[in-house]
Amino acid sequence: MEKMIPLVKKIPKGALKTLHFWDYDERLGQAVMVCDGDVSFHMVDQIDLLNLAHKDLEVLARNQIRATEKYEEIAKGWTAAVISTIHIRTKGFGGLKDRLGGDSDR
């Protein structure tokens, strides 16, 4: 039996400027961004954030991700990944661990 893996639609640069909200869909296990005209974009993995334009990352950073209480920690992981991606884009990897509250002695 073959397994079908859905391809995630590429998010065009600037597409999130009309973002209404984003949430973690526990049924799909994906972050979903809903924009004007009932256009929605899905992300399966946080690494996909690296493909977003800087302005789109800033839009996500300004808007809190929605999630049910049960999946709140997963949603917080998406938020942290957005902040980390912005940091990497603007300053590189230096100081990222300290910024996220990591143990700097390791």
PDB file of N, CA and C in Angstrom:
ATOM      1  N   MET A   1       0.840  -1.188   0.000  1.00  0.00           N
ATOM      2  CA  MET A   1       0.000   0.000   0.000  1.00  0.00           C
ATOM      3  C   MET A   1       0.884   1.250   0.000  1.00  0.00           C
ATOM      4  N   GLU A   2       0.612   2.129  -0.935  1.00  0.00           N
ATOM      5  CA  GLU A   2       1.379   3.362  -1.037  1.00  0.00           C
ATOM      6  C   GLU A   2       0.827   4.410  -0.082  1.00  0.00           C
ATOM      7  N   LYS A   3       1.748   5.174   0.481  1.00  0.00           N
ATOM      8  CA  LYS A   3       1.346   6.256   1.376  1.00  0.00           C
ATOM      9  C   LYS A   3       1.419   7.564   0.605  1.00  0.00           C
ATOM     10  N   MET A   4       0.336   8.335   0.654  1.00  0.00           N
ATOM     11  CA  MET A   4       0.300   9.633  -0.013  1.00  0.00           C
ATOM     12  C   MET A   4       0.790  10.704   0.964  1.00  0.00           C
ATOM     13  N   ILE A   5       1.773  11.464   0.547  1.00  0.00           N
ATOM     14  CA  ILE A   5       2.279  12.568   1.355  1.00  0.00           C
ATOM     15  C   ILE A   5       1.911  13.858   0.642  1.00  0.00           C
ATOM     16  N   PRO A   6       1.038  14.677   1.264  1.00  0.00           N
ATOM     17  CA  PRO A   6       0.631  15.921   0.592  1.00  0.00           C
ATOM     18  C   PRO A   6       1.786  16.913   0.522  1.00  0.00           C
ATOM     19  N   LEU A   7       1.925  17.566  -0.615  1.00  0.00           N
ATOM     20  CA  LEU A   7       2.945  18.594  -0.760  1.00  0.00           C
ATOM     21  C   LEU A   7       2.420  19.895  -0.175  1.00  0.00           C
ATOM     22  N   VAL A   8       3.287  20.584   0.514  1.00  0.00           N
ATOM     23  CA  VAL A   8       2.914  21.855   1.120  1.00  0.00           C
ATOM     24  C   VAL A   8       3.070  22.952   0.072  1.00  0.00           C
ATOM     25  N   LYS A   9       2.025  23.780  -0.067  1.00  0.00           N
ATOM     26  CA  LYS A   9       2.040  24.878  -1.029  1.00  0.00           C
ATOM     27  C   LYS A   9       3.073  25.927  -0.608  1.00  0.00           C
ATOM     28  N   LYS A  10       3.947  26.299  -1.537  1.00  0.00           N
ATOM     29  CA  LYS A  10       4.949  27.318  -1.265  1.00  0.00           C
ATOM     30  C   LYS A  10       4.256  28.644  -0.970  1.00  0.00           C
ATOM     31  N   ILE A  11       4.756  29.337   0.015  1.00  0.00           N
ATOM     32  CA  ILE A  11       4.170  30.618   0.403  1.00  0.00           C
ATOM     33  C   ILE A  11       4.908  31.739  -0.331  1.00  0.00           C
ATOM     34  N   PRO A  12       4.207  32.428  -1.228  1.00  0.00           N
ATOM     35  CA  PRO A  12       4.857  33.511  -1.976  1.00  0.00           C
ATOM     36  C   PRO A  12       5.297  34.644  -1.047  1.00  0.00           C
ATOM     37  N   LYS A  13       6.368  35.299  -1.439  1.00  0.00           N
ATOM     38  CA  LYS A  13       6.885  36.430  -0.668  1.00  0.00           C
ATOM     39  C   LYS A  13       5.795  37.477  -0.486  1.00  0.00           C
ATOM     40  N   GLY A  14       5.567  37.915   0.750  1.00  0.00           N
ATOM     41  CA  GLY A  14       4.584  38.947   1.053  1.00  0.00           C
ATOM     42  C   GLY A  14       3.162  38.436   1.226  1.00  0.00           C
ATOM     43  N   ALA A  15       2.955  37.132   1.074  1.00  0.00           N
ATOM     44  CA  ALA A  15       1.598  36.577   1.134  1.00  0.00           C
ATOM     45  C   ALA A  15       0.952  36.720   2.510  1.00  0.00           C
ATOM     46  N   LEU A  16       1.757  36.808   3.555  1.00  0.00           N
ATOM     47  CA  LEU A  16       1.181  36.868   4.903  1.00  0.00           C
ATOM     48  C   LEU A  16       0.835  38.286   5.355  1.00  0.00           C
ATOM     49  N   LYS A  17       1.000  39.266   4.460  1.00  0.00           N
ATOM     50  CA  LYS A  17       0.669  40.647   4.851  1.00  0.00           C
ATOM     51  C   LYS A  17      -0.818  40.807   5.142  1.00  0.00           C
ATOM     52  N   THR A  18      -1.647  39.894   4.631  1.00  0.00           N
ATOM     53  CA  THR A  18      -3.089  39.954   4.898  1.00  0.00           C
ATOM     54  C   THR A  18      -3.519  38.876   5.895  1.00  0.00           C
ATOM     55  N   LEU A  19      -2.582  38.441   6.739  1.00  0.00           N
ATOM     56  CA  LEU A  19      -2.865  37.388   7.723  1.00  0.00           C
ATOM     57  C   LEU A  19      -3.990  37.798   8.670  1.00  0.00           C
ATOM     58  N   HIS A  20      -4.959  36.922   8.823  1.00  0.00           N
ATOM     59  CA  HIS A  20      -6.025  37.124   9.811  1.00  0.00           C
ATOM     60  C   HIS A  20      -5.638  36.462  11.130  1.00  0.00           C
ATOM     61  N   PHE A  21      -5.145  35.233  11.029  1.00  0.00           N
ATOM     62  CA  PHE A  21      -4.676  34.515  12.211  1.00  0.00           C
ATOM     63  C   PHE A  21      -3.871  33.309  11.759  1.00  0.00           C
ATOM     64  N   TRP A  22      -3.138  32.730  12.714  1.00  0.00           N
ATOM     65  CA  TRP A  22      -2.507  31.449  12.462  1.00  0.00           C
ATOM     66  C   TRP A  22      -2.723  30.575  13.666  1.00  0.00           C
ATOM     67  N   ASP A  23      -2.817  29.285  13.412  1.00  0.00           N
ATOM     68  CA  ASP A  23      -3.067  28.373  14.518  1.00  0.00           C
ATOM     69  C   ASP A  23      -2.370  27.038  14.278  1.00  0.00           C
ATOM     70  N   TYR A  24      -2.294  26.262  15.359  1.00  0.00           N
ATOM     71  CA  TYR A  24      -1.763  24.915  15.247  1.00  0.00           C
ATOM     72  C   TYR A  24      -2.958  23.984  15.143  1.00  0.00           C
ATOM     73  N   ASP A  25      -3.049  23.292  14.026  1.00  0.00           N
ATOM     74  CA  ASP A  25      -4.149  22.364  13.785  1.00  0.00           C
ATOM     75  C   ASP A  25      -3.701  20.978  14.238  1.00  0.00           C
ATOM     76  N   GLU A  26      -4.187  20.567  15.403  1.00  0.00           N
ATOM     77  CA  GLU A  26      -3.745  19.286  15.958  1.00  0.00           C
ATOM     78  C   GLU A  26      -4.212  18.094  15.125  1.00  0.00           C
ATOM     79  N   ARG A  27      -5.302  18.257  14.403  1.00  0.00           N
ATOM     80  CA  ARG A  27      -5.807  17.182  13.555  1.00  0.00           C
ATOM     81  C   ARG A  27      -4.828  16.901  12.416  1.00  0.00           C
ATOM     82  N   LEU A  28      -4.277  17.967  11.832  1.00  0.00           N
ATOM     83  CA  LEU A  28      -3.324  17.832  10.739  1.00  0.00           C
ATOM     84  C   LEU A  28      -1.873  17.768  11.214  1.00  0.00           C
ATOM     85  N   GLY A  29      -1.632  18.274  12.429  1.00  0.00           N
ATOM     86  CA  GLY A  29      -0.261  18.361  12.926  1.00  0.00           C
ATOM     87  C   GLY A  29       0.531  19.413  12.173  1.00  0.00           C
ATOM     88  N   GLN A  30      -0.143  20.506  11.819  1.00  0.00           N
ATOM     89  CA  GLN A  30       0.472  21.557  11.019  1.00  0.00           C
ATOM     90  C   GLN A  30       0.123  22.934  11.562  1.00  0.00           C
ATOM     91  N   ALA A  31       0.992  23.904  11.255  1.00  0.00           N
ATOM     92  CA  ALA A  31       0.659  25.299  11.497  1.00  0.00           C
ATOM     93  C   ALA A  31      -0.097  25.782  10.269  1.00  0.00           C
ATOM     94  N   VAL A  32      -1.203  26.477  10.493  1.00  0.00           N
ATOM     95  CA  VAL A  32      -2.045  26.958   9.394  1.00  0.00           C
ATOM     96  C   VAL A  32      -2.165  28.476   9.504  1.00  0.00           C
ATOM     97  N   MET A  33      -1.871  29.166   8.401  1.00  0.00           N
ATOM     98  CA  MET A  33      -1.982  30.611   8.342  1.00  0.00           C
ATOM     99  C   MET A  33      -3.142  30.975   7.432  1.00  0.00           C
ATOM    100  N   VAL A  34      -4.111  31.736   7.956  1.00  0.00           N
ATOM    101  CA  VAL A  34      -5.302  32.105   7.185  1.00  0.00           C
ATOM    102  C   VAL A  34      -5.222  33.593   6.841  1.00  0.00           C
ATOM    103  N   CYS A  35      -5.326  33.865   5.537  1.00  0.00           N
ATOM    104  CA  CYS A  35      -5.197  35.234   5.032  1.00  0.00           C
ATOM    105  C   CYS A  35      -6.494  35.665   4.349  1.00  0.00           C
ATOM    106  N   ASP A  36      -6.482  36.874   3.782  1.00  0.00           N
ATOM    107  CA  ASP A  36      -7.644  37.385   3.038  1.00  0.00           C
ATOM    108  C   ASP A  36      -8.079  36.406   1.950  1.00  0.00           C
ATOM    109  N   GLY A  37      -9.366  36.454   1.624  1.00  0.00           N
ATOM    110  CA  GLY A  37      -9.899  35.646   0.544  1.00  0.00           C
ATOM    111  C   GLY A  37      -9.913  34.158   0.849  1.00  0.00           C
ATOM    112  N   ASP A  38      -9.965  33.818   2.120  1.00  0.00           N
ATOM    113  CA  ASP A  38      -9.951  32.416   2.551  1.00  0.00           C
ATOM    114  C   ASP A  38      -8.745  31.650   2.020  1.00  0.00           C
ATOM    115  N   VAL A  39      -7.658  32.353   1.773  1.00  0.00           N
ATOM    116  CA  VAL A  39      -6.414  31.713   1.359  1.00  0.00           C
ATOM    117  C   VAL A  39      -5.723  31.224   2.623  1.00  0.00           C
ATOM    118  N   SER A  40      -5.298  29.984   2.612  1.00  0.00           N
ATOM    119  CA  SER A  40      -4.583  29.460   3.770  1.00  0.00           C
ATOM    120  C   SER A  40      -3.312  28.757   3.317  1.00  0.00           C
ATOM    121  N   PHE A  41      -2.329  28.813   4.175  1.00  0.00           N
ATOM    122  CA  PHE A  41      -1.042  28.167   3.934  1.00  0.00           C
ATOM    123  C   PHE A  41      -0.774  27.235   5.104  1.00  0.00           C
ATOM    124  N   HIS A  42      -0.172  26.090   4.814  1.00  0.00           N
ATOM    125  CA  HIS A  42       0.120  25.094   5.838  1.00  0.00           C
ATOM    126  C   HIS A  42       1.619  24.854   5.905  1.00  0.00           C
ATOM    127  N   MET A  43       2.107  24.632   7.113  1.00  0.00           N
ATOM    128  CA  MET A  43       3.501  24.253   7.307  1.00  0.00           C
ATOM    129  C   MET A  43       3.525  22.991   8.152  1.00  0.00           C
ATOM    130  N   VAL A  44       4.251  22.005   7.661  1.00  0.00           N
ATOM    131  CA  VAL A  44       4.340  20.721   8.328  1.00  0.00           C
ATOM    132  C   VAL A  44       5.429  20.735   9.390  1.00  0.00           C
ATOM    133  N   ASP A  45       6.520  21.419   9.101  1.00  0.00           N
ATOM    134  CA  ASP A  45       7.685  21.399   9.980  1.00  0.00           C
ATOM    135  C   ASP A  45       8.199  22.820  10.198  1.00  0.00           C
ATOM    136  N   GLN A  46       8.726  23.076  11.375  1.00  0.00           N
ATOM    137  CA  GLN A  46       9.237  24.409  11.697  1.00  0.00           C
ATOM    138  C   GLN A  46      10.398  24.814  10.796  1.00  0.00           C
ATOM    139  N   ILE A  47      11.116  23.859  10.268  1.00  0.00           N
ATOM    140  CA  ILE A  47      12.227  24.173   9.365  1.00  0.00           C
ATOM    141  C   ILE A  47      11.730  24.892   8.107  1.00  0.00           C
ATOM    142  N   ASP A  48      10.453  24.698   7.772  1.00  0.00           N
ATOM    143  CA  ASP A  48       9.859  25.376   6.614  1.00  0.00           C
ATOM    144  C   ASP A  48       9.850  26.891   6.783  1.00  0.00           C
ATOM    145  N   LEU A  49       9.959  27.372   8.014  1.00  0.00           N
ATOM    146  CA  LEU A  49       9.996  28.818   8.255  1.00  0.00           C
ATOM    147  C   LEU A  49      11.190  29.465   7.570  1.00  0.00           C
ATOM    148  N   LEU A  50      12.251  28.707   7.356  1.00  0.00           N
ATOM    149  CA  LEU A  50      13.438  29.253   6.685  1.00  0.00           C
ATOM    150  C   LEU A  50      13.145  29.685   5.258  1.00  0.00           C
ATOM    151  N   ASN A  51      12.064  29.168   4.686  1.00  0.00           N
ATOM    152  CA  ASN A  51      11.696  29.522   3.308  1.00  0.00           C
ATOM    153  C   ASN A  51      10.867  30.800   3.222  1.00  0.00           C
ATOM    154  N   LEU A  52      10.439  31.334   4.359  1.00  0.00           N
ATOM    155  CA  LEU A  52       9.611  32.546   4.344  1.00  0.00           C
ATOM    156  C   LEU A  52      10.457  33.799   4.185  1.00  0.00           C
ATOM    157  N   ALA A  53       9.860  34.796   3.569  1.00  0.00           N
ATOM    158  CA  ALA A  53      10.494  36.111   3.482  1.00  0.00           C
ATOM    159  C   ALA A  53      10.531  36.739   4.876  1.00  0.00           C
ATOM    160  N   HIS A  54      11.518  37.605   5.096  1.00  0.00           N
ATOM    161  CA  HIS A  54      11.682  38.249   6.405  1.00  0.00           C
ATOM    162  C   HIS A  54      10.404  38.981   6.838  1.00  0.00           C
ATOM    163  N   LYS A  55       9.784  39.702   5.923  1.00  0.00           N
ATOM    164  CA  LYS A  55       8.553  40.446   6.265  1.00  0.00           C
ATOM    165  C   LYS A  55       7.448  39.496   6.711  1.00  0.00           C
ATOM    166  N   ASP A  56       7.348  38.331   6.097  1.00  0.00           N
ATOM    167  CA  ASP A  56       6.334  37.355   6.490  1.00  0.00           C
ATOM    168  C   ASP A  56       6.629  36.793   7.878  1.00  0.00           C
ATOM    169  N   LEU A  57       7.900  36.589   8.184  1.00  0.00           N
ATOM    170  CA  LEU A  57       8.274  36.145   9.529  1.00  0.00           C
ATOM    171  C   LEU A  57       7.877  37.198  10.564  1.00  0.00           C
ATOM    172  N   GLU A  58       8.080  38.465  10.223  1.00  0.00           N
ATOM    173  CA  GLU A  58       7.709  39.549  11.139  1.00  0.00           C
ATOM    174  C   GLU A  58       6.205  39.565  11.386  1.00  0.00           C
ATOM    175  N   VAL A  59       5.415  39.272  10.353  1.00  0.00           N
ATOM    176  CA  VAL A  59       3.957  39.203  10.510  1.00  0.00           C
ATOM    177  C   VAL A  59       3.609  38.106  11.517  1.00  0.00           C
ATOM    178  N   LEU A  60       4.215  36.934  11.368  1.00  0.00           N
ATOM    179  CA  LEU A  60       3.941  35.841  12.304  1.00  0.00           C
ATOM    180  C   LEU A  60       4.376  36.205  13.727  1.00  0.00           C
ATOM    181  N   ALA A  61       5.509  36.897  13.845  1.00  0.00           N
ATOM    182  CA  ALA A  61       6.010  37.288  15.171  1.00  0.00           C
ATOM    183  C   ALA A  61       5.061  38.259  15.869  1.00  0.00           C
ATOM    184  N   ARG A  62       4.360  39.085  15.108  1.00  0.00           N
ATOM    185  CA  ARG A  62       3.434  40.064  15.688  1.00  0.00           C
ATOM    186  C   ARG A  62       2.079  39.460  16.056  1.00  0.00           C
ATOM    187  N   ASN A  63       1.812  38.255  15.596  1.00  0.00           N
ATOM    188  CA  ASN A  63       0.515  37.621  15.835  1.00  0.00           C
ATOM    189  C   ASN A  63       0.689  36.334  16.626  1.00  0.00           C
ATOM    190  N   GLN A  64      -0.013  36.227  17.706  1.00  0.00           N
ATOM    191  CA  GLN A  64       0.088  35.032  18.538  1.00  0.00           C
ATOM    192  C   GLN A  64      -0.579  33.841  17.855  1.00  0.00           C
ATOM    193  N   ILE A  65       0.100  32.715  17.858  1.00  0.00           N
ATOM    194  CA  ILE A  65      -0.465  31.507  17.273  1.00  0.00           C
ATOM    195  C   ILE A  65      -1.551  30.962  18.195  1.00  0.00           C
ATOM    196  N   ARG A  66      -2.624  30.482  17.611  1.00  0.00           N
ATOM    197  CA  ARG A  66      -3.725  29.909  18.381  1.00  0.00           C
ATOM    198  C   ARG A  66      -3.524  28.403  18.506  1.00  0.00           C
ATOM    199  N   ALA A  67      -3.960  27.867  19.635  1.00  0.00           N
ATOM    200  CA  ALA A  67      -3.913  26.416  19.831  1.00  0.00           C
ATOM    201  C   ALA A  67      -4.804  26.058  21.006  1.00  0.00           C
ATOM    202  N   THR A  68      -5.277  24.829  21.007  1.00  0.00           N
ATOM    203  CA  THR A  68      -6.023  24.357  22.173  1.00  0.00           C
ATOM    204  C   THR A  68      -5.036  24.178  23.315  1.00  0.00           C
ATOM    205  N   GLU A  69      -5.541  24.162  24.512  1.00  0.00           N
ATOM    206  CA  GLU A  69      -4.678  24.048  25.691  1.00  0.00           C
ATOM    207  C   GLU A  69      -3.777  22.819  25.614  1.00  0.00           C
ATOM    208  N   LYS A  70      -4.311  21.739  25.117  1.00  0.00           N
ATOM    209  CA  LYS A  70      -3.561  20.486  25.023  1.00  0.00           C
ATOM    210  C   LYS A  70      -2.316  20.625  24.134  1.00  0.00           C
ATOM    211  N   TYR A  71      -2.379  21.492  23.135  1.00  0.00           N
ATOM    212  CA  TYR A  71      -1.285  21.646  22.174  1.00  0.00           C
ATOM    213  C   TYR A  71      -0.566  22.993  22.310  1.00  0.00           C
ATOM    214  N   GLU A  72      -0.745  23.633  23.432  1.00  0.00           N
ATOM    215  CA  GLU A  72      -0.142  24.944  23.663  1.00  0.00           C
ATOM    216  C   GLU A  72       1.389  24.911  23.576  1.00  0.00           C
ATOM    217  N   GLU A  73       2.004  23.873  24.118  1.00  0.00           N
ATOM    218  CA  GLU A  73       3.474  23.781  24.087  1.00  0.00           C
ATOM    219  C   GLU A  73       3.992  23.638  22.661  1.00  0.00           C
ATOM    220  N   ILE A  74       3.292  22.885  21.832  1.00  0.00           N
ATOM    221  CA  ILE A  74       3.697  22.747  20.431  1.00  0.00           C
ATOM    222  C   ILE A  74       3.588  24.103  19.734  1.00  0.00           C
ATOM    223  N   ALA A  75       2.510  24.832  20.005  1.00  0.00           N
ATOM    224  CA  ALA A  75       2.330  26.163  19.412  1.00  0.00           C
ATOM    225  C   ALA A  75       3.446  27.107  19.849  1.00  0.00           C
ATOM    226  N   LYS A  76       3.828  27.038  21.119  1.00  0.00           N
ATOM    227  CA  LYS A  76       4.934  27.874  21.610  1.00  0.00           C
ATOM    228  C   LYS A  76       6.231  27.539  20.877  1.00  0.00           C
ATOM    229  N   GLY A  77       6.389  26.273  20.506  1.00  0.00           N
ATOM    230  CA  GLY A  77       7.565  25.876  19.734  1.00  0.00           C
ATOM    231  C   GLY A  77       7.604  26.553  18.374  1.00  0.00           C
ATOM    232  N   TRP A  78       6.438  26.710  17.751  1.00  0.00           N
ATOM    233  CA  TRP A  78       6.360  27.426  16.468  1.00  0.00           C
ATOM    234  C   TRP A  78       6.738  28.886  16.653  1.00  0.00           C
ATOM    235  N   THR A  79       6.245  29.495  17.736  1.00  0.00           N
ATOM    236  CA  THR A  79       6.576  30.900  18.009  1.00  0.00           C
ATOM    237  C   THR A  79       8.079  31.062  18.220  1.00  0.00           C
ATOM    238  N   ALA A  80       8.666  30.171  19.003  1.00  0.00           N
ATOM    239  CA  ALA A  80      10.111  30.227  19.249  1.00  0.00           C
ATOM    240  C   ALA A  80      10.882  30.035  17.942  1.00  0.00           C
ATOM    241  N   ALA A  81      10.387  29.165  17.073  1.00  0.00           N
ATOM    242  CA  ALA A  81      11.058  28.931  15.795  1.00  0.00           C
ATOM    243  C   ALA A  81      11.004  30.170  14.903  1.00  0.00           C
ATOM    244  N   VAL A  82       9.910  30.917  14.957  1.00  0.00           N
ATOM    245  CA  VAL A  82       9.810  32.169  14.184  1.00  0.00           C
ATOM    246  C   VAL A  82      10.865  33.157  14.676  1.00  0.00           C
ATOM    247  N   ILE A  83      10.948  33.325  15.994  1.00  0.00           N
ATOM    248  CA  ILE A  83      11.924  34.256  16.582  1.00  0.00           C
ATOM    249  C   ILE A  83      13.346  33.811  16.248  1.00  0.00           C
ATOM    250  N   SER A  84      13.604  32.508  16.348  1.00  0.00           N
ATOM    251  CA  SER A  84      14.932  31.984  16.027  1.00  0.00           C
ATOM    252  C   SER A  84      15.287  32.225  14.561  1.00  0.00           C
ATOM    253  N   THR A  85      14.342  32.033  13.685  1.00  0.00           N
ATOM    254  CA  THR A  85      14.585  32.231  12.256  1.00  0.00           C
ATOM    255  C   THR A  85      14.889  33.698  11.960  1.00  0.00           C
ATOM    256  N   ILE A  86      14.151  34.596  12.581  1.00  0.00           N
ATOM    257  CA  ILE A  86      14.429  36.033  12.412  1.00  0.00           C
ATOM    258  C   ILE A  86      15.832  36.341  12.914  1.00  0.00           C
ATOM    259  N   HIS A  87      16.184  35.793  14.075  1.00  0.00           N
ATOM    260  CA  HIS A  87      17.512  36.039  14.647  1.00  0.00           C
ATOM    261  C   HIS A  87      18.610  35.525  13.706  1.00  0.00           C
ATOM    262  N   ILE A  88      18.436  34.312  13.203  1.00  0.00           N
ATOM    263  CA  ILE A  88      19.432  33.731  12.302  1.00  0.00           C
ATOM    264  C   ILE A  88      19.577  34.579  11.050  1.00  0.00           C
ATOM    265  N   ARG A  89      18.459  35.058  10.516  1.00  0.00           N
ATOM    266  CA  ARG A  89      18.499  35.872   9.291  1.00  0.00           C
ATOM    267  C   ARG A  89      19.207  37.200   9.521  1.00  0.00           C
ATOM    268  N   THR A  90      19.021  37.800  10.699  1.00  0.00           N
ATOM    269  CA  THR A  90      19.576  39.136  10.931  1.00  0.00           C
ATOM    270  C   THR A  90      20.952  39.120  11.577  1.00  0.00           C
ATOM    271  N   LYS A  91      21.224  38.113  12.433  1.00  0.00           N
ATOM    272  CA  LYS A  91      22.476  38.128  13.195  1.00  0.00           C
ATOM    273  C   LYS A  91      23.291  36.855  13.088  1.00  0.00           C
ATOM    274  N   GLY A  92      22.790  35.887  12.349  1.00  0.00           N
ATOM    275  CA  GLY A  92      23.490  34.615  12.270  1.00  0.00           C
ATOM    276  C   GLY A  92      23.202  33.779  13.508  1.00  0.00           C
ATOM    277  N   PHE A  93      23.986  32.746  13.715  1.00  0.00           N
ATOM    278  CA  PHE A  93      23.730  31.832  14.830  1.00  0.00           C
ATOM    279  C   PHE A  93      24.313  32.315  16.156  1.00  0.00           C
ATOM    280  N   GLY A  94      25.198  33.299  16.136  1.00  0.00           N
ATOM    281  CA  GLY A  94      25.834  33.794  17.353  1.00  0.00           C
ATOM    282  C   GLY A  94      24.838  34.345  18.354  1.00  0.00           C
ATOM    283  N   GLY A  95      24.925  33.879  19.606  1.00  0.00           N
ATOM    284  CA  GLY A  95      24.068  34.374  20.687  1.00  0.00           C
ATOM    285  C   GLY A  95      22.668  33.811  20.694  1.00  0.00           C
ATOM    286  N   LEU A  96      22.342  32.948  19.763  1.00  0.00           N
ATOM    287  CA  LEU A  96      20.983  32.421  19.683  1.00  0.00           C
ATOM    288  C   LEU A  96      20.630  31.600  20.909  1.00  0.00           C
ATOM    289  N   LYS A  97      21.543  30.764  21.375  1.00  0.00           N
ATOM    290  CA  LYS A  97      21.284  29.917  22.536  1.00  0.00           C
ATOM    291  C   LYS A  97      20.989  30.772  23.772  1.00  0.00           C
ATOM    292  N   ASP A  98      21.777  31.819  23.989  1.00  0.00           N
ATOM    293  CA  ASP A  98      21.567  32.710  25.133  1.00  0.00           C
ATOM    294  C   ASP A  98      20.232  33.435  25.017  1.00  0.00           C
ATOM    295  N   ARG A  99      19.877  33.858  23.818  1.00  0.00           N
ATOM    296  CA  ARG A  99      18.612  34.586  23.596  1.00  0.00           C
ATOM    297  C   ARG A  99      17.398  33.724  23.923  1.00  0.00           C
ATOM    298  N   LEU A 100      17.516  32.429  23.660  1.00  0.00           N
ATOM    299  CA  LEU A 100      16.405  31.515  23.912  1.00  0.00           C
ATOM    300  C   LEU A 100      16.422  30.946  25.320  1.00  0.00           C
ATOM    301  N   GLY A 101      17.356  31.401  26.146  1.00  0.00           N
ATOM    302  CA  GLY A 101      17.394  30.948  27.529  1.00  0.00           C
ATOM    303  C   GLY A 101      18.149  29.656  27.721  1.00  0.00           C
ATOM    304  N   GLY A 102      19.012  29.313  26.768  1.00  0.00           N
ATOM    305  CA  GLY A 102      19.801  28.087  26.871  1.00  0.00           C
ATOM    306  C   GLY A 102      20.922  28.250  27.873  1.00  0.00           C
ATOM    307  N   ASP A 103      21.482  27.154  28.283  1.00  0.00           N
ATOM    308  CA  ASP A 103      22.583  27.137  29.230  1.00  0.00           C
ATOM    309  C   ASP A 103      23.863  27.505  28.487  1.00  0.00           C
ATOM    310  N   SER A 104      24.457  28.645  28.805  1.00  0.00           N
ATOM    311  CA  SER A 104      25.618  29.114  28.075  1.00  0.00           C
ATOM    312  C   SER A 104      26.897  28.424  28.511  1.00  0.00           C
ATOM    313  N   ASP A 105      26.877  27.599  29.566  1.00  0.00           N
ATOM    314  CA  ASP A 105      28.074  26.907  30.035  1.00  0.00           C
ATOM    315  C   ASP A 105      28.309  25.603  29.294  1.00  0.00           C
ATOM    316  N   ARG A 106      27.396  25.146  28.494  1.00  0.00           N
ATOM    317  CA  ARG A 106      27.560  23.868  27.784  1.00  0.00           C
ATOM    318  C   ARG A 106      28.362  24.031  26.551  1.00  0.00           C
TER     319      ARG A 106
END
